[in-house]
PDB file of all heavy atoms in Angstrom:
ATOM      1  N   GLN A   1     -40.290 -14.597 -28.019  1.00  0.00           N
ATOM      2  CA  GLN A   1     -40.459 -14.086 -29.438  1.00  0.00           C
ATOM      3  C   GLN A   1     -41.737 -14.477 -29.955  1.00  0.00           C
ATOM      4  O   GLN A   1     -42.432 -13.746 -30.697  1.00  0.00           O
ATOM      5  CB  GLN A   1     -39.276 -14.360 -30.200  1.00  0.00           C
ATOM      6  CG  GLN A   1     -37.935 -13.630 -29.701  1.00  0.00           C
ATOM      7  CD  GLN A   1     -36.760 -14.224 -30.491  1.00  0.00           C
ATOM      8  OE1 GLN A   1     -36.822 -15.038 -31.383  1.00  0.00           O
ATOM      9  NE2 GLN A   1     -35.556 -13.660 -30.014  1.00  0.00           N
ATOM     10  N   TRP A   2     -42.140 -15.796 -29.853  1.00  0.00           N
ATOM     11  CA  TRP A   2     -43.388 -16.292 -30.429  1.00  0.00           C
ATOM     12  C   TRP A   2     -44.547 -15.607 -29.827  1.00  0.00           C
ATOM     13  O   TRP A   2     -45.452 -15.192 -30.515  1.00  0.00           O
ATOM     14  CB  TRP A   2     -43.305 -17.876 -30.232  1.00  0.00           C
ATOM     15  CG  TRP A   2     -44.638 -18.480 -30.750  1.00  0.00           C
ATOM     16  CD1 TRP A   2     -44.852 -18.923 -32.036  1.00  0.00           C
ATOM     17  CD2 TRP A   2     -45.940 -18.553 -30.077  1.00  0.00           C
ATOM     18  NE1 TRP A   2     -46.143 -19.331 -32.171  1.00  0.00           N
ATOM     19  CE2 TRP A   2     -46.801 -19.152 -31.026  1.00  0.00           C
ATOM     20  CE3 TRP A   2     -46.359 -18.251 -28.809  1.00  0.00           C
ATOM     21  CZ2 TRP A   2     -48.240 -19.472 -30.675  1.00  0.00           C
ATOM     22  CZ3 TRP A   2     -47.716 -18.556 -28.504  1.00  0.00           C
ATOM     23  CH2 TRP A   2     -48.559 -19.190 -29.453  1.00  0.00           C
ATOM     24  N   MET A   3     -44.458 -15.373 -28.474  1.00  0.00           N
ATOM     25  CA  MET A   3     -45.579 -14.794 -27.834  1.00  0.00           C
ATOM     26  C   MET A   3     -45.749 -13.368 -28.232  1.00  0.00           C
ATOM     27  O   MET A   3     -46.807 -12.832 -28.431  1.00  0.00           O
ATOM     28  CB  MET A   3     -45.461 -14.878 -26.308  1.00  0.00           C
ATOM     29  CG  MET A   3     -46.552 -14.265 -25.473  1.00  0.00           C
ATOM     30  SD  MET A   3     -48.227 -14.839 -25.805  1.00  0.00           S
ATOM     31  CE  MET A   3     -48.207 -16.570 -25.084  1.00  0.00           C
ATOM     32  N   GLN A   4     -44.571 -12.645 -28.395  1.00  0.00           N
ATOM     33  CA  GLN A   4     -44.611 -11.206 -28.704  1.00  0.00           C
ATOM     34  C   GLN A   4     -45.137 -11.007 -30.095  1.00  0.00           C
ATOM     35  O   GLN A   4     -45.745 -10.069 -30.433  1.00  0.00           O
ATOM     36  CB  GLN A   4     -43.251 -10.600 -28.521  1.00  0.00           C
ATOM     37  CG  GLN A   4     -42.756 -10.504 -27.111  1.00  0.00           C
ATOM     38  CD  GLN A   4     -41.373  -9.958 -27.010  1.00  0.00           C
ATOM     39  OE1 GLN A   4     -40.580 -10.115 -27.955  1.00  0.00           O
ATOM     40  NE2 GLN A   4     -40.927  -9.581 -25.841  1.00  0.00           N
ATOM     41  N   ALA A   5     -44.841 -12.011 -31.048  1.00  0.00           N
ATOM     42  CA  ALA A   5     -45.268 -11.766 -32.466  1.00  0.00           C
ATOM     43  C   ALA A   5     -46.658 -12.325 -32.720  1.00  0.00           C
ATOM     44  O   ALA A   5     -47.174 -12.193 -33.824  1.00  0.00           O
ATOM     45  CB  ALA A   5     -44.387 -12.557 -33.352  1.00  0.00           C
ATOM     46  N   LEU A   6     -47.282 -12.824 -31.643  1.00  0.00           N
ATOM     47  CA  LEU A   6     -48.716 -13.375 -31.810  1.00  0.00           C
ATOM     48  C   LEU A   6     -49.656 -12.339 -32.122  1.00  0.00           C
ATOM     49  O   LEU A   6     -49.742 -11.255 -31.503  1.00  0.00           O
ATOM     50  CB  LEU A   6     -49.118 -14.035 -30.538  1.00  0.00           C
ATOM     51  CG  LEU A   6     -50.277 -15.053 -30.612  1.00  0.00           C
ATOM     52  CD1 LEU A   6     -49.793 -16.276 -31.508  1.00  0.00           C
ATOM     53  CD2 LEU A   6     -50.700 -15.655 -29.263  1.00  0.00           C
ATOM     54  N   PRO A   7     -50.507 -12.484 -33.247  1.00  0.00           N
ATOM     55  CA  PRO A   7     -51.396 -11.481 -33.658  1.00  0.00           C
ATOM     56  C   PRO A   7     -52.417 -11.176 -32.450  1.00  0.00           C
ATOM     57  O   PRO A   7     -52.718 -12.004 -31.627  1.00  0.00           O
ATOM     58  CB  PRO A   7     -52.116 -12.046 -34.779  1.00  0.00           C
ATOM     59  CG  PRO A   7     -51.151 -13.045 -35.294  1.00  0.00           C
ATOM     60  CD  PRO A   7     -50.434 -13.572 -34.168  1.00  0.00           C
ATOM     61  N   LYS A   8     -53.040 -10.121 -32.401  1.00  0.00           N
ATOM     62  CA  LYS A   8     -53.891  -9.686 -31.325  1.00  0.00           C
ATOM     63  C   LYS A   8     -55.150 -10.486 -31.303  1.00  0.00           C
ATOM     64  O   LYS A   8     -55.623 -10.969 -30.139  1.00  0.00           O
ATOM     65  CB  LYS A   8     -54.458  -8.223 -31.570  1.00  0.00           C
ATOM     66  CG  LYS A   8     -55.383  -7.651 -30.453  1.00  0.00           C
ATOM     67  CD  LYS A   8     -55.710  -6.237 -30.598  1.00  0.00           C
ATOM     68  CE  LYS A   8     -56.570  -5.736 -29.502  1.00  0.00           C
ATOM     69  NZ  LYS A   8     -56.963  -4.298 -29.758  1.00  0.00           N
ATOM     70  N   HIS A   9     -55.727 -11.010 -32.456  1.00  0.00           N
ATOM     71  CA  HIS A   9     -56.902 -11.875 -32.393  1.00  0.00           C
ATOM     72  C   HIS A   9     -56.605 -13.329 -31.913  1.00  0.00           C
ATOM     73  O   HIS A   9     -57.513 -14.033 -31.637  1.00  0.00           O
ATOM     74  CB  HIS A   9     -57.571 -11.888 -33.739  1.00  0.00           C
ATOM     75  CG  HIS A   9     -56.858 -12.758 -34.749  1.00  0.00           C
ATOM     76  ND1 HIS A   9     -55.739 -12.398 -35.494  1.00  0.00           N
ATOM     77  CD2 HIS A   9     -57.047 -14.095 -35.117  1.00  0.00           C
ATOM     78  CE1 HIS A   9     -55.382 -13.365 -36.255  1.00  0.00           C
ATOM     79  NE2 HIS A   9     -56.140 -14.295 -36.054  1.00  0.00           N
ATOM     80  N   LEU A  10     -55.358 -13.622 -31.757  1.00  0.00           N
ATOM     81  CA  LEU A  10     -54.981 -15.015 -31.294  1.00  0.00           C
ATOM     82  C   LEU A  10     -54.515 -14.981 -29.843  1.00  0.00           C
ATOM     83  O   LEU A  10     -54.157 -15.923 -29.274  1.00  0.00           O
ATOM     84  CB  LEU A  10     -53.815 -15.585 -32.094  1.00  0.00           C
ATOM     85  CG  LEU A  10     -54.179 -16.038 -33.474  1.00  0.00           C
ATOM     86  CD1 LEU A  10     -53.012 -16.550 -34.249  1.00  0.00           C
ATOM     87  CD2 LEU A  10     -55.329 -16.991 -33.498  1.00  0.00           C
ATOM     88  N   ARG A  11     -54.722 -13.824 -29.152  1.00  0.00           N
ATOM     89  CA  ARG A  11     -54.330 -13.715 -27.767  1.00  0.00           C
ATOM     90  C   ARG A  11     -55.615 -13.986 -26.913  1.00  0.00           C
ATOM     91  O   ARG A  11     -56.714 -13.926 -27.328  1.00  0.00           O
ATOM     92  CB  ARG A  11     -53.868 -12.366 -27.408  1.00  0.00           C
ATOM     93  CG  ARG A  11     -52.520 -11.959 -28.086  1.00  0.00           C
ATOM     94  CD  ARG A  11     -52.007 -10.653 -27.787  1.00  0.00           C
ATOM     95  NE  ARG A  11     -50.790 -10.358 -28.457  1.00  0.00           N
ATOM     96  CZ  ARG A  11     -49.587 -10.680 -27.903  1.00  0.00           C
ATOM     97  NH1 ARG A  11     -49.556 -11.281 -26.797  1.00  0.00           N
ATOM     98  NH2 ARG A  11     -48.450 -10.363 -28.569  1.00  0.00           N
ATOM     99  N   LEU A  12     -55.412 -14.276 -25.605  1.00  0.00           N
ATOM    100  CA  LEU A  12     -56.479 -14.513 -24.680  1.00  0.00           C
ATOM    101  C   LEU A  12     -57.246 -13.350 -24.459  1.00  0.00           C
ATOM    102  O   LEU A  12     -56.748 -12.255 -24.439  1.00  0.00           O
ATOM    103  CB  LEU A  12     -55.883 -15.235 -23.383  1.00  0.00           C
ATOM    104  CG  LEU A  12     -55.142 -16.555 -23.570  1.00  0.00           C
ATOM    105  CD1 LEU A  12     -54.627 -16.928 -22.162  1.00  0.00           C
ATOM    106  CD2 LEU A  12     -56.295 -17.685 -23.985  1.00  0.00           C
ATOM    107  N   ARG A  13     -58.540 -13.548 -24.224  1.00  0.00           N
ATOM    108  CA  ARG A  13     -59.386 -12.345 -23.966  1.00  0.00           C
ATOM    109  C   ARG A  13     -59.927 -12.420 -22.595  1.00  0.00           C
ATOM    110  O   ARG A  13     -60.961 -13.046 -22.281  1.00  0.00           O
ATOM    111  CB  ARG A  13     -60.572 -12.371 -24.980  1.00  0.00           C
ATOM    112  CG  ARG A  13     -60.021 -12.454 -26.419  1.00  0.00           C
ATOM    113  CD  ARG A  13     -61.164 -12.724 -27.468  1.00  0.00           C
ATOM    114  NE  ARG A  13     -60.538 -12.942 -28.783  1.00  0.00           N
ATOM    115  CZ  ARG A  13     -61.346 -13.313 -29.887  1.00  0.00           C
ATOM    116  NH1 ARG A  13     -62.716 -13.542 -29.689  1.00  0.00           N
ATOM    117  NH2 ARG A  13     -60.839 -13.553 -31.006  1.00  0.00           N
ATOM    118  N   PRO A  14     -59.240 -11.662 -21.604  1.00  0.00           N
ATOM    119  CA  PRO A  14     -59.696 -11.841 -20.255  1.00  0.00           C
ATOM    120  C   PRO A  14     -61.104 -11.235 -19.973  1.00  0.00           C
ATOM    121  O   PRO A  14     -61.801 -11.656 -19.076  1.00  0.00           O
ATOM    122  CB  PRO A  14     -58.581 -10.992 -19.529  1.00  0.00           C
ATOM    123  CG  PRO A  14     -58.001 -10.128 -20.541  1.00  0.00           C
ATOM    124  CD  PRO A  14     -58.065 -10.795 -21.910  1.00  0.00           C
ATOM    125  N   ASP A  15     -61.532 -10.285 -20.911  1.00  0.00           N
ATOM    126  CA  ASP A  15     -62.837  -9.651 -20.589  1.00  0.00           C
ATOM    127  C   ASP A  15     -63.924 -10.224 -21.459  1.00  0.00           C
ATOM    128  O   ASP A  15     -64.998  -9.748 -21.384  1.00  0.00           O
ATOM    129  CB  ASP A  15     -62.727  -8.154 -20.812  1.00  0.00           C
ATOM    130  CG  ASP A  15     -61.683  -7.478 -19.877  1.00  0.00           C
ATOM    131  OD1 ASP A  15     -61.563  -8.041 -18.775  1.00  0.00           O
ATOM    132  OD2 ASP A  15     -60.990  -6.498 -20.296  1.00  0.00           O
ATOM    133  N   GLY A  16     -63.518 -11.196 -22.373  1.00  0.00           N
ATOM    134  CA  GLY A  16     -64.602 -11.837 -23.115  1.00  0.00           C
ATOM    135  C   GLY A  16     -64.447 -13.335 -23.258  1.00  0.00           C
ATOM    136  O   GLY A  16     -63.666 -13.904 -22.562  1.00  0.00           O
ATOM    137  N   VAL A  17     -65.161 -13.885 -24.260  1.00  0.00           N
ATOM    138  CA  VAL A  17     -65.075 -15.339 -24.456  1.00  0.00           C
ATOM    139  C   VAL A  17     -63.985 -15.618 -25.415  1.00  0.00           C
ATOM    140  O   VAL A  17     -64.032 -15.135 -26.606  1.00  0.00           O
ATOM    141  CB  VAL A  17     -66.496 -15.769 -24.953  1.00  0.00           C
ATOM    142  CG1 VAL A  17     -66.417 -17.426 -25.188  1.00  0.00           C
ATOM    143  CG2 VAL A  17     -67.562 -15.521 -23.907  1.00  0.00           C
ATOM    144  N   THR A  18     -63.007 -16.353 -25.073  1.00  0.00           N
ATOM    145  CA  THR A  18     -62.015 -16.824 -25.998  1.00  0.00           C
ATOM    146  C   THR A  18     -62.414 -17.995 -26.759  1.00  0.00           C
ATOM    147  O   THR A  18     -62.782 -19.056 -26.153  1.00  0.00           O
ATOM    148  CB  THR A  18     -60.742 -17.057 -25.202  1.00  0.00           C
ATOM    149  OG1 THR A  18     -60.336 -15.833 -24.535  1.00  0.00           O
ATOM    150  CG2 THR A  18     -59.550 -17.374 -26.147  1.00  0.00           C
ATOM    151  N   PRO A  19     -62.243 -18.022 -28.122  1.00  0.00           N
ATOM    152  CA  PRO A  19     -62.680 -19.230 -28.849  1.00  0.00           C
ATOM    153  C   PRO A  19     -61.709 -20.408 -28.440  1.00  0.00           C
ATOM    154  O   PRO A  19     -60.658 -20.281 -28.024  1.00  0.00           O
ATOM    155  CB  PRO A  19     -62.200 -18.843 -30.267  1.00  0.00           C
ATOM    156  CG  PRO A  19     -62.377 -17.310 -30.291  1.00  0.00           C
ATOM    157  CD  PRO A  19     -61.934 -16.935 -28.965  1.00  0.00           C
ATOM    158  N   LYS A  20     -62.201 -21.605 -28.588  1.00  0.00           N
ATOM    159  CA  LYS A  20     -61.635 -22.837 -27.989  1.00  0.00           C
ATOM    160  C   LYS A  20     -60.270 -23.115 -28.741  1.00  0.00           C
ATOM    161  O   LYS A  20     -59.324 -23.619 -28.056  1.00  0.00           O
ATOM    162  CB  LYS A  20     -62.605 -24.026 -28.147  1.00  0.00           C
ATOM    163  CG  LYS A  20     -63.689 -24.006 -27.250  1.00  0.00           C
ATOM    164  CD  LYS A  20     -64.501 -25.232 -27.349  1.00  0.00           C
ATOM    165  CE  LYS A  20     -65.219 -25.342 -28.640  1.00  0.00           C
ATOM    166  NZ  LYS A  20     -66.111 -26.500 -28.772  1.00  0.00           N
ATOM    167  N   HIS A  21     -60.138 -22.719 -30.023  1.00  0.00           N
ATOM    168  CA  HIS A  21     -58.960 -23.134 -30.766  1.00  0.00           C
ATOM    169  C   HIS A  21     -57.884 -22.181 -30.365  1.00  0.00           C
ATOM    170  O   HIS A  21     -56.575 -22.579 -30.321  1.00  0.00           O
ATOM    171  CB  HIS A  21     -59.175 -23.048 -32.262  1.00  0.00           C
ATOM    172  CG  HIS A  21     -59.386 -21.563 -32.711  1.00  0.00           C
ATOM    173  ND1 HIS A  21     -60.531 -20.965 -32.771  1.00  0.00           N
ATOM    174  CD2 HIS A  21     -58.512 -20.698 -33.380  1.00  0.00           C
ATOM    175  CE1 HIS A  21     -60.492 -19.830 -33.243  1.00  0.00           C
ATOM    176  NE2 HIS A  21     -59.266 -19.626 -33.686  1.00  0.00           N
ATOM    177  N   ILE A  22     -58.159 -20.950 -29.782  1.00  0.00           N
ATOM    178  CA  ILE A  22     -57.172 -20.019 -29.244  1.00  0.00           C
ATOM    179  C   ILE A  22     -56.650 -20.518 -27.883  1.00  0.00           C
ATOM    180  O   ILE A  22     -55.526 -20.530 -27.545  1.00  0.00           O
ATOM    181  CB  ILE A  22     -57.658 -18.655 -29.173  1.00  0.00           C
ATOM    182  CG1 ILE A  22     -57.956 -18.142 -30.645  1.00  0.00           C
ATOM    183  CG2 ILE A  22     -56.578 -17.770 -28.504  1.00  0.00           C
ATOM    184  CD1 ILE A  22     -58.565 -16.749 -30.735  1.00  0.00           C
ATOM    185  N   ILE A  23     -57.617 -21.011 -27.190  1.00  0.00           N
ATOM    186  CA  ILE A  23     -57.225 -21.644 -25.825  1.00  0.00           C
ATOM    187  C   ILE A  23     -56.347 -22.758 -26.082  1.00  0.00           C
ATOM    188  O   ILE A  23     -55.343 -22.944 -25.394  1.00  0.00           O
ATOM    189  CB  ILE A  23     -58.552 -22.017 -24.961  1.00  0.00           C
ATOM    190  CG1 ILE A  23     -59.295 -20.843 -24.679  1.00  0.00           C
ATOM    191  CG2 ILE A  23     -58.099 -22.831 -23.739  1.00  0.00           C
ATOM    192  CD1 ILE A  23     -60.596 -21.092 -23.926  1.00  0.00           C
ATOM    193  N   SER A  24     -56.687 -23.603 -27.024  1.00  0.00           N
ATOM    194  CA  SER A  24     -55.780 -24.797 -27.317  1.00  0.00           C
ATOM    195  C   SER A  24     -54.372 -24.389 -27.756  1.00  0.00           C
ATOM    196  O   SER A  24     -53.334 -25.003 -27.361  1.00  0.00           O
ATOM    197  CB  SER A  24     -56.394 -25.650 -28.330  1.00  0.00           C
ATOM    198  OG  SER A  24     -57.565 -26.222 -28.041  1.00  0.00           O
ATOM    199  N   LEU A  25     -54.298 -23.343 -28.505  1.00  0.00           N
ATOM    200  CA  LEU A  25     -52.906 -22.722 -28.885  1.00  0.00           C
ATOM    201  C   LEU A  25     -52.163 -22.355 -27.661  1.00  0.00           C
ATOM    202  O   LEU A  25     -50.919 -22.628 -27.623  1.00  0.00           O
ATOM    203  CB  LEU A  25     -53.116 -21.606 -29.892  1.00  0.00           C
ATOM    204  CG  LEU A  25     -51.928 -20.982 -30.460  1.00  0.00           C
ATOM    205  CD1 LEU A  25     -51.176 -21.990 -31.287  1.00  0.00           C
ATOM    206  CD2 LEU A  25     -52.219 -19.692 -31.250  1.00  0.00           C
ATOM    207  N   HIS A  26     -52.826 -21.654 -26.708  1.00  0.00           N
ATOM    208  CA  HIS A  26     -52.072 -21.214 -25.533  1.00  0.00           C
ATOM    209  C   HIS A  26     -51.704 -22.377 -24.630  1.00  0.00           C
ATOM    210  O   HIS A  26     -50.773 -22.358 -23.864  1.00  0.00           O
ATOM    211  CB  HIS A  26     -52.838 -20.172 -24.720  1.00  0.00           C
ATOM    212  CG  HIS A  26     -52.841 -18.786 -25.472  1.00  0.00           C
ATOM    213  ND1 HIS A  26     -51.967 -17.732 -25.211  1.00  0.00           N
ATOM    214  CD2 HIS A  26     -53.496 -18.325 -26.492  1.00  0.00           C
ATOM    215  CE1 HIS A  26     -52.067 -16.786 -25.977  1.00  0.00           C
ATOM    216  NE2 HIS A  26     -53.105 -17.081 -26.733  1.00  0.00           N
ATOM    217  N   LEU A  27     -52.614 -23.412 -24.668  1.00  0.00           N
ATOM    218  CA  LEU A  27     -52.200 -24.548 -23.811  1.00  0.00           C
ATOM    219  C   LEU A  27     -50.962 -25.292 -24.313  1.00  0.00           C
ATOM    220  O   LEU A  27     -50.162 -25.741 -23.598  1.00  0.00           O
ATOM    221  CB  LEU A  27     -53.407 -25.528 -23.791  1.00  0.00           C
ATOM    222  CG  LEU A  27     -54.563 -25.099 -22.892  1.00  0.00           C
ATOM    223  CD1 LEU A  27     -55.753 -26.073 -23.155  1.00  0.00           C
ATOM    224  CD2 LEU A  27     -54.279 -25.006 -21.408  1.00  0.00           C
ATOM    225  N   GLN A  28     -50.865 -25.267 -25.694  1.00  0.00           N
ATOM    226  CA  GLN A  28     -49.698 -25.874 -26.209  1.00  0.00           C
ATOM    227  C   GLN A  28     -48.500 -25.095 -25.992  1.00  0.00           C
ATOM    228  O   GLN A  28     -47.312 -25.545 -25.732  1.00  0.00           O
ATOM    229  CB  GLN A  28     -49.837 -26.035 -27.843  1.00  0.00           C
ATOM    230  CG  GLN A  28     -48.696 -26.557 -28.590  1.00  0.00           C
ATOM    231  CD  GLN A  28     -48.260 -27.909 -28.080  1.00  0.00           C
ATOM    232  OE1 GLN A  28     -49.072 -28.666 -27.567  1.00  0.00           O
ATOM    233  NE2 GLN A  28     -47.003 -28.266 -28.279  1.00  0.00           N
ATOM    234  N   PHE A  29     -48.591 -23.616 -25.966  1.00  0.00           N
ATOM    235  CA  PHE A  29     -47.550 -22.817 -25.519  1.00  0.00           C
ATOM    236  C   PHE A  29     -47.081 -23.030 -24.144  1.00  0.00           C
ATOM    237  O   PHE A  29     -45.874 -23.110 -23.837  1.00  0.00           O
ATOM    238  CB  PHE A  29     -47.973 -21.404 -25.704  1.00  0.00           C
ATOM    239  CG  PHE A  29     -46.973 -20.359 -25.198  1.00  0.00           C
ATOM    240  CD1 PHE A  29     -45.747 -20.036 -25.842  1.00  0.00           C
ATOM    241  CD2 PHE A  29     -47.264 -19.758 -23.951  1.00  0.00           C
ATOM    242  CE1 PHE A  29     -44.865 -19.048 -25.314  1.00  0.00           C
ATOM    243  CE2 PHE A  29     -46.328 -18.879 -23.458  1.00  0.00           C
ATOM    244  CZ  PHE A  29     -45.118 -18.533 -24.052  1.00  0.00           C
ATOM    245  N   ASN A  30     -48.038 -23.132 -23.210  1.00  0.00           N
ATOM    246  CA  ASN A  30     -47.697 -23.482 -21.793  1.00  0.00           C
ATOM    247  C   ASN A  30     -47.040 -24.751 -21.763  1.00  0.00           C
ATOM    248  O   ASN A  30     -46.113 -24.988 -20.943  1.00  0.00           O
ATOM    249  CB  ASN A  30     -48.825 -23.423 -21.006  1.00  0.00           C
ATOM    250  CG  ASN A  30     -49.555 -22.024 -20.802  1.00  0.00           C
ATOM    251  OD1 ASN A  30     -48.830 -21.067 -21.129  1.00  0.00           O
ATOM    252  ND2 ASN A  30     -50.790 -21.999 -20.411  1.00  0.00           N
ATOM    253  N   GLN A  31     -47.445 -25.768 -22.529  1.00  0.00           N
ATOM    254  CA  GLN A  31     -46.940 -27.092 -22.476  1.00  0.00           C
ATOM    255  C   GLN A  31     -45.397 -26.969 -22.876  1.00  0.00           C
ATOM    256  O   GLN A  31     -44.472 -27.700 -22.454  1.00  0.00           O
ATOM    257  CB  GLN A  31     -47.697 -28.035 -23.253  1.00  0.00           C
ATOM    258  CG  GLN A  31     -47.096 -29.547 -23.293  1.00  0.00           C
ATOM    259  CD  GLN A  31     -47.165 -30.202 -22.015  1.00  0.00           C
ATOM    260  OE1 GLN A  31     -47.847 -29.712 -21.060  1.00  0.00           O
ATOM    261  NE2 GLN A  31     -46.267 -31.165 -21.727  1.00  0.00           N
ATOM    262  N   CYS A  32     -45.108 -26.194 -23.882  1.00  0.00           N
ATOM    263  CA  CYS A  32     -43.691 -25.984 -24.337  1.00  0.00           C
ATOM    264  C   CYS A  32     -42.868 -25.455 -23.231  1.00  0.00           C
ATOM    265  O   CYS A  32     -41.717 -25.853 -23.098  1.00  0.00           O
ATOM    266  CB  CYS A  32     -43.664 -25.120 -25.489  1.00  0.00           C
ATOM    267  SG  CYS A  32     -44.230 -25.911 -27.142  1.00  0.00           S
ATOM    268  N   VAL A  33     -43.433 -24.441 -22.571  1.00  0.00           N
ATOM    269  CA  VAL A  33     -42.562 -23.822 -21.413  1.00  0.00           C
ATOM    270  C   VAL A  33     -42.350 -24.876 -20.342  1.00  0.00           C
ATOM    271  O   VAL A  33     -41.249 -24.999 -19.780  1.00  0.00           O
ATOM    272  CB  VAL A  33     -43.352 -22.639 -20.843  1.00  0.00           C
ATOM    273  CG1 VAL A  33     -42.682 -22.169 -19.576  1.00  0.00           C
ATOM    274  CG2 VAL A  33     -43.490 -21.575 -21.890  1.00  0.00           C
ATOM    275  N   MET A  34     -43.385 -25.611 -19.944  1.00  0.00           N
ATOM    276  CA  MET A  34     -43.126 -26.705 -19.043  1.00  0.00           C
ATOM    277  C   MET A  34     -42.264 -27.843 -19.525  1.00  0.00           C
ATOM    278  O   MET A  34     -41.382 -28.341 -18.724  1.00  0.00           O
ATOM    279  CB  MET A  34     -44.539 -27.375 -18.570  1.00  0.00           C
ATOM    280  CG  MET A  34     -45.466 -26.385 -17.748  1.00  0.00           C
ATOM    281  SD  MET A  34     -46.877 -27.214 -17.165  1.00  0.00           S
ATOM    282  CE  MET A  34     -47.893 -27.209 -18.651  1.00  0.00           C
ATOM    283  N   LEU A  35     -42.416 -28.173 -20.790  1.00  0.00           N
ATOM    284  CA  LEU A  35     -41.506 -29.269 -21.278  1.00  0.00           C
ATOM    285  C   LEU A  35     -40.093 -28.852 -21.237  1.00  0.00           C
ATOM    286  O   LEU A  35     -39.140 -29.660 -21.017  1.00  0.00           O
ATOM    287  CB  LEU A  35     -41.930 -29.486 -22.709  1.00  0.00           C
ATOM    288  CG  LEU A  35     -41.415 -30.851 -23.427  1.00  0.00           C
ATOM    289  CD1 LEU A  35     -41.851 -32.133 -22.659  1.00  0.00           C
ATOM    290  CD2 LEU A  35     -41.841 -30.882 -24.793  1.00  0.00           C
ATOM    291  N   ALA A  36     -39.716 -27.537 -21.520  1.00  0.00           N
ATOM    292  CA  ALA A  36     -38.399 -27.056 -21.540  1.00  0.00           C
ATOM    293  C   ALA A  36     -37.808 -26.990 -20.159  1.00  0.00           C
ATOM    294  O   ALA A  36     -36.582 -27.081 -20.009  1.00  0.00           O
ATOM    295  CB  ALA A  36     -38.342 -25.697 -22.267  1.00  0.00           C
ATOM    296  N   THR A  37     -38.649 -26.560 -19.164  1.00  0.00           N
ATOM    297  CA  THR A  37     -38.036 -26.156 -17.776  1.00  0.00           C
ATOM    298  C   THR A  37     -38.342 -27.186 -16.790  1.00  0.00           C
ATOM    299  O   THR A  37     -37.701 -27.096 -15.671  1.00  0.00           O
ATOM    300  CB  THR A  37     -38.637 -24.828 -17.397  1.00  0.00           C
ATOM    301  OG1 THR A  37     -40.142 -24.952 -17.423  1.00  0.00           O
ATOM    302  CG2 THR A  37     -38.298 -23.762 -18.321  1.00  0.00           C
ATOM    303  N   ARG A  38     -39.202 -28.235 -16.974  1.00  0.00           N
ATOM    304  CA  ARG A  38     -39.529 -29.092 -15.823  1.00  0.00           C
ATOM    305  C   ARG A  38     -38.312 -29.952 -15.359  1.00  0.00           C
ATOM    306  O   ARG A  38     -38.275 -30.431 -14.212  1.00  0.00           O
ATOM    307  CB  ARG A  38     -40.736 -29.886 -16.078  1.00  0.00           C
ATOM    308  CG  ARG A  38     -40.599 -30.893 -17.159  1.00  0.00           C
ATOM    309  CD  ARG A  38     -41.958 -31.541 -17.418  1.00  0.00           C
ATOM    310  NE  ARG A  38     -41.899 -32.640 -18.406  1.00  0.00           N
ATOM    311  CZ  ARG A  38     -43.039 -33.088 -18.873  1.00  0.00           C
ATOM    312  NH1 ARG A  38     -44.223 -32.781 -18.600  1.00  0.00           N
ATOM    313  NH2 ARG A  38     -42.912 -34.246 -19.844  1.00  0.00           N
TER     314      ARG A  38
END
């Protein structure tokens, strides 16, 4: 639900340059997934 509600400008940009703070946000999201399932 958090990922689905994420505003468009905070999503990763596969065809462009993603700002570093947005990458950090997605890294924290991935860490949450790993922390919950590992």
